[in-house]
C-alpha atoms as a PDB file:
ATOM      1  CA  UNK A   1      50.977  93.407  57.901  1.00  0.00           C
ATOM      2  CA  UNK A   2      54.176  91.928  59.481  1.00  0.00           C
ATOM      3  CA  UNK A   3      53.195  89.153  61.930  1.00  0.00           C
ATOM      4  CA  UNK A   4      49.620  88.722  60.668  1.00  0.00           C
ATOM      5  CA  UNK A   5      48.376  85.190  60.748  1.00  0.00           C
ATOM      6  CA  UNK A   6      45.513  84.120  58.541  1.00  0.00           C
ATOM      7  CA  UNK A   7      44.359  81.147  56.561  1.00  0.00           C
ATOM      8  CA  UNK A   8      42.196  80.530  53.492  1.00  0.00           C
ATOM      9  CA  UNK A   9      38.664  81.597  53.873  1.00  0.00           C
ATOM     10  CA  UNK A  10      36.284  78.684  52.904  1.00  0.00           C
ATOM     11  CA  UNK A  11      34.313  81.161  50.818  1.00  0.00           C
ATOM     12  CA  UNK A  12      37.407  81.959  48.816  1.00  0.00           C
ATOM     13  CA  UNK A  13      37.094  85.683  49.885  1.00  0.00           C
ATOM     14  CA  UNK A  14      40.689  86.209  50.580  1.00  0.00           C
ATOM     15  CA  UNK A  15      40.520  89.911  50.011  1.00  0.00           C
ATOM     16  CA  UNK A  16      38.040  90.421  52.870  1.00  0.00           C
ATOM     17  CA  UNK A  17      40.336  88.612  55.171  1.00  0.00           C
ATOM     18  CA  UNK A  18      43.407  90.704  54.057  1.00  0.00           C
ATOM     19  CA  UNK A  19      41.327  93.943  54.248  1.00  0.00           C
ATOM     20  CA  UNK A  20      40.634  93.286  57.858  1.00  0.00           C
ATOM     21  CA  UNK A  21      44.415  93.057  58.492  1.00  0.00           C
ATOM     22  CA  UNK A  22      45.421  96.025  56.340  1.00  0.00           C
ATOM     23  CA  UNK A  23      42.874  98.600  57.323  1.00  0.00           C
ATOM     24  CA  UNK A  24      43.877  98.847  61.018  1.00  0.00           C
ATOM     25  CA  UNK A  25      47.422  99.558  59.776  1.00  0.00           C
ATOM     26  CA  UNK A  26      46.218 102.585  57.888  1.00  0.00           C
ATOM     27  CA  UNK A  27      46.362 101.201  54.335  1.00  0.00           C
ATOM     28  CA  UNK A  28      44.224 102.652  51.660  1.00  0.00           C
ATOM     29  CA  UNK A  29      41.382 101.004  49.719  1.00  0.00           C
ATOM     30  CA  UNK A  30      43.803 101.049  46.687  1.00  0.00           C
ATOM     31  CA  UNK A  31      46.116  98.718  48.603  1.00  0.00           C
ATOM     32  CA  UNK A  32      43.204  96.318  49.123  1.00  0.00           C
ATOM     33  CA  UNK A  33      42.277  96.551  45.469  1.00  0.00           C
ATOM     34  CA  UNK A  34      45.825  95.713  44.516  1.00  0.00           C
ATOM     35  CA  UNK A  35      45.906  92.711  46.807  1.00  0.00           C
ATOM     36  CA  UNK A  36      42.514  91.714  45.355  1.00  0.00           C
ATOM     37  CA  UNK A  37      44.054  91.650  41.867  1.00  0.00           C
ATOM     38  CA  UNK A  38      47.027  89.588  43.039  1.00  0.00           C
ATOM     39  CA  UNK A  39      44.903  87.082  44.974  1.00  0.00           C
ATOM     40  CA  UNK A  40      41.858  86.650  42.757  1.00  0.00           C
ATOM     41  CA  UNK A  41      43.153  83.395  41.227  1.00  0.00           C
ATOM     42  CA  UNK A  42      45.464  82.437  44.146  1.00  0.00           C
ATOM     43  CA  UNK A  43      44.886  78.765  45.204  1.00  0.00           C
ATOM     44  CA  UNK A  44      43.346  78.291  48.602  1.00  0.00           C
ATOM     45  CA  UNK A  45      46.051  75.858  49.744  1.00  0.00           C
ATOM     46  CA  UNK A  46      48.770  78.460  49.071  1.00  0.00           C
ATOM     47  CA  UNK A  47      47.516  80.803  51.695  1.00  0.00           C
ATOM     48  CA  UNK A  48      47.365  78.264  54.514  1.00  0.00           C
ATOM     49  CA  UNK A  49      49.925  78.588  57.194  1.00  0.00           C
ATOM     50  CA  UNK A  50      53.382  77.918  55.825  1.00  0.00           C
ATOM     51  CA  UNK A  51      55.212  75.082  57.369  1.00  0.00           C
ATOM     52  CA  UNK A  52      58.457  76.078  59.082  1.00  0.00           C
ATOM     53  CA  UNK A  53      61.438  75.566  56.960  1.00  0.00           C
ATOM     54  CA  UNK A  54      64.019  73.134  58.068  1.00  0.00           C
ATOM     55  CA  UNK A  55      67.292  74.755  59.143  1.00  0.00           C
ATOM     56  CA  UNK A  56      69.901  74.135  56.427  1.00  0.00           C
ATOM     57  CA  UNK A  57      73.289  73.013  57.425  1.00  0.00           C
ATOM     58  CA  UNK A  58      75.892  75.615  56.873  1.00  0.00           C
ATOM     59  CA  UNK A  59      79.407  75.306  55.537  1.00  0.00           C
ATOM     60  CA  UNK A  60      80.259  79.000  55.957  1.00  0.00           C
ATOM     61  CA  UNK A  61      83.308  80.208  57.799  1.00  0.00           C
ATOM     62  CA  UNK A  62      81.080  81.327  60.690  1.00  0.00           C
ATOM     63  CA  UNK A  63      79.478  77.898  60.768  1.00  0.00           C
ATOM     64  CA  UNK A  64      82.713  76.150  60.870  1.00  0.00           C
ATOM     65  CA  UNK A  65      84.028  78.351  63.573  1.00  0.00           C
ATOM     66  CA  UNK A  66      80.937  77.646  65.698  1.00  0.00           C
ATOM     67  CA  UNK A  67      81.517  73.878  65.388  1.00  0.00           C
ATOM     68  CA  UNK A  68      85.269  74.306  66.214  1.00  0.00           C
ATOM     69  CA  UNK A  69      84.331  76.409  69.271  1.00  0.00           C
ATOM     70  CA  UNK A  70      81.818  73.716  70.411  1.00  0.00           C
ATOM     71  CA  UNK A  71      84.662  71.196  69.936  1.00  0.00           C
ATOM     72  CA  UNK A  72      86.881  73.195  72.274  1.00  0.00           C
ATOM     73  CA  UNK A  73      84.154  73.069  74.992  1.00  0.00           C
ATOM     74  CA  UNK A  74      83.842  69.305  74.338  1.00  0.00           C
ATOM     75  CA  UNK A  75      87.608  68.937  74.843  1.00  0.00           C
ATOM     76  CA  UNK A  76      87.429  70.814  78.104  1.00  0.00           C
ATOM     77  CA  UNK A  77      84.749  68.605  79.423  1.00  0.00           C
ATOM     78  CA  UNK A  78      86.693  65.527  78.363  1.00  0.00           C
ATOM     79  CA  UNK A  79      89.670  66.662  80.342  1.00  0.00           C
ATOM     80  CA  UNK A  80      87.579  67.807  83.246  1.00  0.00           C
ATOM     81  CA  UNK A  81      84.426  65.698  83.415  1.00  0.00           C
ATOM     82  CA  UNK A  82      83.266  67.415  86.575  1.00  0.00           C
ATOM     83  CA  UNK A  83      82.570  70.487  84.468  1.00  0.00           C
ATOM     84  CA  UNK A  84      79.940  68.761  82.536  1.00  0.00           C
ATOM     85  CA  UNK A  85      77.352  70.081  84.811  1.00  0.00           C
ATOM     86  CA  UNK A  86      78.381  73.738  84.127  1.00  0.00           C
ATOM     87  CA  UNK A  87      78.754  73.354  80.404  1.00  0.00           C
ATOM     88  CA  UNK A  88      75.746  75.486  79.548  1.00  0.00           C
ATOM     89  CA  UNK A  89      76.896  78.197  81.955  1.00  0.00           C
ATOM     90  CA  UNK A  90      80.332  78.351  80.328  1.00  0.00           C
ATOM     91  CA  UNK A  91      78.545  78.650  77.018  1.00  0.00           C
ATOM     92  CA  UNK A  92      76.355  81.535  78.337  1.00  0.00           C
ATOM     93  CA  UNK A  93      79.350  83.449  79.693  1.00  0.00           C
ATOM     94  CA  UNK A  94      81.193  82.847  76.337  1.00  0.00           C
ATOM     95  CA  UNK A  95      78.104  84.258  74.477  1.00  0.00           C
ATOM     96  CA  UNK A  96      78.185  87.459  76.547  1.00  0.00           C
ATOM     97  CA  UNK A  97      81.793  87.953  75.956  1.00  0.00           C
ATOM     98  CA  UNK A  98      81.590  87.257  72.272  1.00  0.00           C
ATOM     99  CA  UNK A  99      78.824  89.905  71.868  1.00  0.00           C
ATOM    100  CA  UNK A 100      80.881  92.388  73.909  1.00  0.00           C
ATOM    101  CA  UNK A 101      83.917  92.077  71.672  1.00  0.00           C
ATOM    102  CA  UNK A 102      81.699  92.021  68.484  1.00  0.00           C
ATOM    103  CA  UNK A 103      80.356  95.427  69.514  1.00  0.00           C
ATOM    104  CA  UNK A 104      83.737  96.951  70.357  1.00  0.00           C
ATOM    105  CA  UNK A 105      83.401  96.546  74.188  1.00  0.00           C
ATOM    106  CA  UNK A 106      86.006  95.647  76.799  1.00  0.00           C
ATOM    107  CA  UNK A 107      86.232  93.317  79.740  1.00  0.00           C
ATOM    108  CA  UNK A 108      86.955  94.494  83.317  1.00  0.00           C
ATOM    109  CA  UNK A 109      88.054  91.872  85.818  1.00  0.00           C
ATOM    110  CA  UNK A 110      88.388  91.797  89.587  1.00  0.00           C
ATOM    111  CA  UNK A 111      89.102  89.369  92.392  1.00  0.00           C
ATOM    112  CA  UNK A 112      91.045  88.936  95.708  1.00  0.00           C
ATOM    113  CA  UNK A 113      94.138  86.968  96.521  1.00  0.00           C
ATOM    114  CA  UNK A 114      94.386  84.043  94.044  1.00  0.00           C
ATOM    115  CA  UNK A 115      91.478  85.358  92.107  1.00  0.00           C
ATOM    116  CA  UNK A 116      93.295  88.720  91.668  1.00  0.00           C
ATOM    117  CA  UNK A 117      96.132  86.648  90.071  1.00  0.00           C
ATOM    118  CA  UNK A 118      93.526  84.965  87.920  1.00  0.00           C
ATOM    119  CA  UNK A 119      92.325  88.326  86.793  1.00  0.00           C
ATOM    120  CA  UNK A 120      95.771  89.227  85.677  1.00  0.00           C
ATOM    121  CA  UNK A 121      96.278  85.879  83.927  1.00  0.00           C
ATOM    122  CA  UNK A 122      93.064  86.311  81.898  1.00  0.00           C
ATOM    123  CA  UNK A 123      94.205  89.717  80.763  1.00  0.00           C
ATOM    124  CA  UNK A 124      97.521  88.166  79.664  1.00  0.00           C
ATOM    125  CA  UNK A 125      95.732  85.639  77.440  1.00  0.00           C
ATOM    126  CA  UNK A 126      93.325  88.098  75.848  1.00  0.00           C
ATOM    127  CA  UNK A 127      95.537  91.144  75.237  1.00  0.00           C
ATOM    128  CA  UNK A 128      98.189  89.176  73.241  1.00  0.00           C
ATOM    129  CA  UNK A 129      98.474  85.899  71.363  1.00  0.00           C
ATOM    130  CA  UNK A 130      97.358  82.890  73.419  1.00  0.00           C
ATOM    131  CA  UNK A 131      97.768  79.956  70.884  1.00  0.00           C
ATOM    132  CA  UNK A 132      97.603  82.033  67.687  1.00  0.00           C
ATOM    133  CA  UNK A 133     100.119  84.773  66.484  1.00  0.00           C
ATOM    134  CA  UNK A 134      97.373  87.390  65.860  1.00  0.00           C
ATOM    135  CA  UNK A 135      99.392  89.537  63.235  1.00  0.00           C
ATOM    136  CA  UNK A 136      98.091  93.105  62.952  1.00  0.00           C
ATOM    137  CA  UNK A 137      96.049  94.027  59.904  1.00  0.00           C
ATOM    138  CA  UNK A 138      97.556  95.236  56.624  1.00  0.00           C
ATOM    139  CA  UNK A 139      96.027  98.649  57.272  1.00  0.00           C
ATOM    140  CA  UNK A 140      97.743  98.772  60.651  1.00  0.00           C
ATOM    141  CA  UNK A 141     101.058  97.714  59.187  1.00  0.00           C
ATOM    142  CA  UNK A 142     100.930 100.531  56.637  1.00  0.00           C
ATOM    143  CA  UNK A 143      99.959 103.105  59.341  1.00  0.00           C
ATOM    144  CA  UNK A 144     102.854 102.027  61.518  1.00  0.00           C
ATOM    145  CA  UNK A 145     105.447 102.161  58.681  1.00  0.00           C
ATOM    146  CA  UNK A 146     104.032 105.588  57.617  1.00  0.00           C
ATOM    147  CA  UNK A 147     104.458 106.917  61.225  1.00  0.00           C
ATOM    148  CA  UNK A 148     107.983 105.723  61.407  1.00  0.00           C
ATOM    149  CA  UNK A 149     109.586 103.628  58.622  1.00  0.00           C
ATOM    150  CA  UNK A 150     112.215 102.041  60.918  1.00  0.00           C
ATOM    151  CA  UNK A 151     110.339 101.398  64.174  1.00  0.00           C
ATOM    152  CA  UNK A 152     107.113 100.926  62.346  1.00  0.00           C
ATOM    153  CA  UNK A 153     108.456  97.959  60.396  1.00  0.00           C
ATOM    154  CA  UNK A 154     109.513  96.298  63.549  1.00  0.00           C
ATOM    155  CA  UNK A 155     106.259  97.057  65.220  1.00  0.00           C
ATOM    156  CA  UNK A 156     104.296  95.663  62.315  1.00  0.00           C
ATOM    157  CA  UNK A 157     106.108  92.411  62.501  1.00  0.00           C
ATOM    158  CA  UNK A 158     105.919  91.976  66.331  1.00  0.00           C
ATOM    159  CA  UNK A 159     102.701  93.520  67.538  1.00  0.00           C
ATOM    160  CA  UNK A 160      99.766  91.202  68.098  1.00  0.00           C
ATOM    161  CA  UNK A 161      96.071  91.686  68.015  1.00  0.00           C
ATOM    162  CA  UNK A 162      94.366  92.151  71.490  1.00  0.00           C
ATOM    163  CA  UNK A 163      90.960  91.665  72.923  1.00  0.00           C
ATOM    164  CA  UNK A 164      90.569  94.711  75.314  1.00  0.00           C
ATOM    165  CA  UNK A 165      90.720  93.633  78.967  1.00  0.00           C
ATOM    166  CA  UNK A 166      91.734  95.416  82.178  1.00  0.00           C
ATOM    167  CA  UNK A 167      92.544  93.729  85.441  1.00  0.00           C
ATOM    168  CA  UNK A 168      91.306  96.181  88.132  1.00  0.00           C
ATOM    169  CA  UNK A 169      93.709  94.613  90.631  1.00  0.00           C
ATOM    170  CA  UNK A 170      96.904  96.257  89.057  1.00  0.00           C
ATOM    171  CA  UNK A 171      96.516  99.919  89.916  1.00  0.00           C
ATOM    172  CA  UNK A 172      98.247 100.357  93.232  1.00  0.00           C
ATOM    173  CA  UNK A 173      98.483 104.215  93.177  1.00  0.00           C
ATOM    174  CA  UNK A 174      94.769 104.647  92.379  1.00  0.00           C
ATOM    175  CA  UNK A 175      93.645 101.840  94.730  1.00  0.00           C
ATOM    176  CA  UNK A 176      95.646 103.103  97.663  1.00  0.00           C
ATOM    177  CA  UNK A 177      94.701 106.698  97.129  1.00  0.00           C
ATOM    178  CA  UNK A 178      91.045 105.839  96.925  1.00  0.00           C
ATOM    179  CA  UNK A 179      91.376 103.556 100.025  1.00  0.00           C
ATOM    180  CA  UNK A 180      93.053 106.386 102.017  1.00  0.00           C
ATOM    181  CA  UNK A 181      90.781 109.302 100.863  1.00  0.00           C
ATOM    182  CA  UNK A 182      87.424 107.451 100.535  1.00  0.00           C
ATOM    183  CA  UNK A 183      86.824 103.717 101.085  1.00  0.00           C
ATOM    184  CA  UNK A 184      89.042 100.806 100.139  1.00  0.00           C
ATOM    185  CA  UNK A 185      86.147  98.441  99.829  1.00  0.00           C
ATOM    186  CA  UNK A 186      84.831 100.463  96.931  1.00  0.00           C
ATOM    187  CA  UNK A 187      88.161 100.689  94.943  1.00  0.00           C
ATOM    188  CA  UNK A 188      86.969  98.257  92.226  1.00  0.00           C
ATOM    189  CA  UNK A 189      83.623  99.879  92.014  1.00  0.00           C
ATOM    190  CA  UNK A 190      85.390 103.311  91.460  1.00  0.00           C
ATOM    191  CA  UNK A 191      87.412 101.828  88.557  1.00  0.00           C
ATOM    192  CA  UNK A 192      84.297 100.308  87.028  1.00  0.00           C
ATOM    193  CA  UNK A 193      82.697 103.781  87.352  1.00  0.00           C
ATOM    194  CA  UNK A 194      85.711 105.279  85.491  1.00  0.00           C
ATOM    195  CA  UNK A 195      86.313 102.604  82.800  1.00  0.00           C
ATOM    196  CA  UNK A 196      82.920 101.056  82.198  1.00  0.00           C
ATOM    197  CA  UNK A 197      80.579 101.864  79.366  1.00  0.00           C
ATOM    198  CA  UNK A 198      77.275 100.265  78.218  1.00  0.00           C
ATOM    199  CA  UNK A 199      78.156  97.098  76.360  1.00  0.00           C
ATOM    200  CA  UNK A 200      81.221  96.313  78.410  1.00  0.00           C
ATOM    201  CA  UNK A 201      81.438  93.331  80.689  1.00  0.00           C
ATOM    202  CA  UNK A 202      82.502  93.010  84.328  1.00  0.00           C
ATOM    203  CA  UNK A 203      83.906  89.594  85.287  1.00  0.00           C
ATOM    204  CA  UNK A 204      83.857  89.055  89.107  1.00  0.00           C
ATOM    205  CA  UNK A 205      86.007  86.173  90.412  1.00  0.00           C
ATOM    206  CA  UNK A 206      85.204  84.997  93.876  1.00  0.00           C
ATOM    207  CA  UNK A 207      85.411  81.439  95.173  1.00  0.00           C
ATOM    208  CA  UNK A 208      82.559  82.090  97.616  1.00  0.00           C
ATOM    209  CA  UNK A 209      80.667  84.527  95.389  1.00  0.00           C
ATOM    210  CA  UNK A 210      80.386  86.802  98.439  1.00  0.00           C
ATOM    211  CA  UNK A 211      83.477  89.076  98.258  1.00  0.00           C
ATOM    212  CA  UNK A 212      82.043  92.520  99.113  1.00  0.00           C
ATOM    213  CA  UNK A 213      84.407  94.642  97.039  1.00  0.00           C
ATOM    214  CA  UNK A 214      83.620  92.421  93.981  1.00  0.00           C
ATOM    215  CA  UNK A 215      79.798  92.878  94.748  1.00  0.00           C
ATOM    216  CA  UNK A 216      80.190  96.669  94.957  1.00  0.00           C
ATOM    217  CA  UNK A 217      81.946  96.590  91.484  1.00  0.00           C
ATOM    218  CA  UNK A 218      79.107  94.258  90.130  1.00  0.00           C
ATOM    219  CA  UNK A 219      76.378  96.654  91.282  1.00  0.00           C
ATOM    220  CA  UNK A 220      78.183  99.586  89.722  1.00  0.00           C
ATOM    221  CA  UNK A 221      78.631  97.702  86.492  1.00  0.00           C
ATOM    222  CA  UNK A 222      74.829  97.076  86.350  1.00  0.00           C
ATOM    223  CA  UNK A 223      74.082 100.681  86.892  1.00  0.00           C
ATOM    224  CA  UNK A 224      76.480 101.601  84.046  1.00  0.00           C
ATOM    225  CA  UNK A 225      74.583  99.310  81.616  1.00  0.00           C
ATOM    226  CA  UNK A 226      77.214  96.721  81.521  1.00  0.00           C
ATOM    227  CA  UNK A 227      76.798  92.925  81.595  1.00  0.00           C
ATOM    228  CA  UNK A 228      78.027  91.051  84.717  1.00  0.00           C
ATOM    229  CA  UNK A 229      79.509  87.590  84.630  1.00  0.00           C
ATOM    230  CA  UNK A 230      80.809  85.514  87.546  1.00  0.00           C
ATOM    231  CA  UNK A 231      83.320  82.822  88.216  1.00  0.00           C
ATOM    232  CA  UNK A 232      82.559  81.292  91.554  1.00  0.00           C
ATOM    233  CA  UNK A 233      82.189  78.030  93.533  1.00  0.00           C
ATOM    234  CA  UNK A 234      80.190  76.618  96.465  1.00  0.00           C
ATOM    235  CA  UNK A 235      76.566  77.882  95.981  1.00  0.00           C
ATOM    236  CA  UNK A 236      77.497  80.850  93.785  1.00  0.00           C
ATOM    237  CA  UNK A 237      76.866  83.356  96.646  1.00  0.00           C
ATOM    238  CA  UNK A 238      75.631  86.763  96.121  1.00  0.00           C
ATOM    239  CA  UNK A 239      77.586  87.207  92.895  1.00  0.00           C
ATOM    240  CA  UNK A 240      75.698  84.490  91.059  1.00  0.00           C
ATOM    241  CA  UNK A 241      72.399  86.233  92.096  1.00  0.00           C
ATOM    242  CA  UNK A 242      73.361  89.618  90.334  1.00  0.00           C
ATOM    243  CA  UNK A 243      75.313  88.103  87.400  1.00  0.00           C
ATOM    244  CA  UNK A 244      73.748  87.787  83.892  1.00  0.00           C
ATOM    245  CA  UNK A 245      75.629  84.434  83.736  1.00  0.00           C
ATOM    246  CA  UNK A 246      77.842  82.600  86.238  1.00  0.00           C
ATOM    247  CA  UNK A 247      79.998  79.572  86.208  1.00  0.00           C
ATOM    248  CA  UNK A 248      79.704  78.028  89.682  1.00  0.00           C
ATOM    249  CA  UNK A 249      82.320  75.158  89.617  1.00  0.00           C
ATOM    250  CA  UNK A 250      81.137  72.146  91.652  1.00  0.00           C
ATOM    251  CA  UNK A 251      83.577  72.348  94.504  1.00  0.00           C
ATOM    252  CA  UNK A 252      83.412  73.593  98.111  1.00  0.00           C
ATOM    253  CA  UNK A 253      87.010  74.184  99.092  1.00  0.00           C
ATOM    254  CA  UNK A 254      88.867  77.286  97.989  1.00  0.00           C
ATOM    255  CA  UNK A 255      91.851  75.650  96.403  1.00  0.00           C
ATOM    256  CA  UNK A 256      89.801  73.161  94.620  1.00  0.00           C
ATOM    257  CA  UNK A 257      87.500  75.903  93.217  1.00  0.00           C
ATOM    258  CA  UNK A 258      90.564  77.839  91.970  1.00  0.00           C
ATOM    259  CA  UNK A 259      91.928  74.648  90.420  1.00  0.00           C
ATOM    260  CA  UNK A 260      88.726  74.466  88.223  1.00  0.00           C
ATOM    261  CA  UNK A 261      88.534  78.235  87.481  1.00  0.00           C
ATOM    262  CA  UNK A 262      91.802  78.021  85.515  1.00  0.00           C
ATOM    263  CA  UNK A 263      90.651  75.500  82.898  1.00  0.00           C
ATOM    264  CA  UNK A 264      87.391  77.324  82.556  1.00  0.00           C
ATOM    265  CA  UNK A 265      88.920  80.709  81.833  1.00  0.00           C
ATOM    266  CA  UNK A 266      91.544  79.115  79.678  1.00  0.00           C
ATOM    267  CA  UNK A 267      88.817  77.621  77.491  1.00  0.00           C
ATOM    268  CA  UNK A 268      86.952  80.852  77.334  1.00  0.00           C
ATOM    269  CA  UNK A 269      90.127  82.676  76.222  1.00  0.00           C
ATOM    270  CA  UNK A 270      90.779  79.932  73.639  1.00  0.00           C
ATOM    271  CA  UNK A 271      87.319  80.208  72.205  1.00  0.00           C
ATOM    272  CA  UNK A 272      87.370  83.957  71.925  1.00  0.00           C
ATOM    273  CA  UNK A 273      90.741  83.877  70.238  1.00  0.00           C
ATOM    274  CA  UNK A 274      89.459  81.358  67.753  1.00  0.00           C
ATOM    275  CA  UNK A 275      86.340  83.426  67.106  1.00  0.00           C
ATOM    276  CA  UNK A 276      88.168  86.739  66.344  1.00  0.00           C
ATOM    277  CA  UNK A 277      91.529  85.774  64.920  1.00  0.00           C
ATOM    278  CA  UNK A 278      92.323  83.540  61.886  1.00  0.00           C
ATOM    279  CA  UNK A 279      95.991  82.916  62.621  1.00  0.00           C
END
């Protein structure tokens, strides 16, 4: 009877009310008899619609982390007040990335020119320590030292935790081969097709939102069951239209858009690192 809504019958015949709810669900008469026994002396007021419970404040580690992550976003807006109008969009992109990493997914990133450099920059912040050291787990330390007592000890001390991310701009041999053999405009899409899995995220960076090679990659990502997020400017372009969430920074000139992209993705990387690493 999950989801059933009913209130006290003025006649006090609660069982009749409940029977109407139970019978369509295939319950037996014995179930009704059992409920009749339970409810025979049940006060009428007690079966009226329960008032929603007030949400209790939390002091759990997860609750503290959420507040700290919100504070990071506050700090970003304080330093760049112009980003106040896209605060909710930044939060939406963060939420998609958080769920991706919670479920063991990875991030694929593409852009052109300065945005290609941004793609590499983001990978650099996610795949190693950003502001935290991210030591490997005790289990990983033991496995490394078991594999090689000498090199394993050094690795266990120096390796850092990473949030899986791949910049699709880096693979010159693959990209040029595909451009020569098939179609260079689809090089990013080919990599999304090869790397992408449901639950992964594709981040397209385009100051106009209309870069065609990024759009082909976004369409491929959607077809693969991935989420698509965008980092754009101007009116968001086509990318904002296909994305599950997009941060459209409020500037019109390319270099000004790029100047705002950096603090946005730095904040996202900082928030993700804080969410998944303690130290």
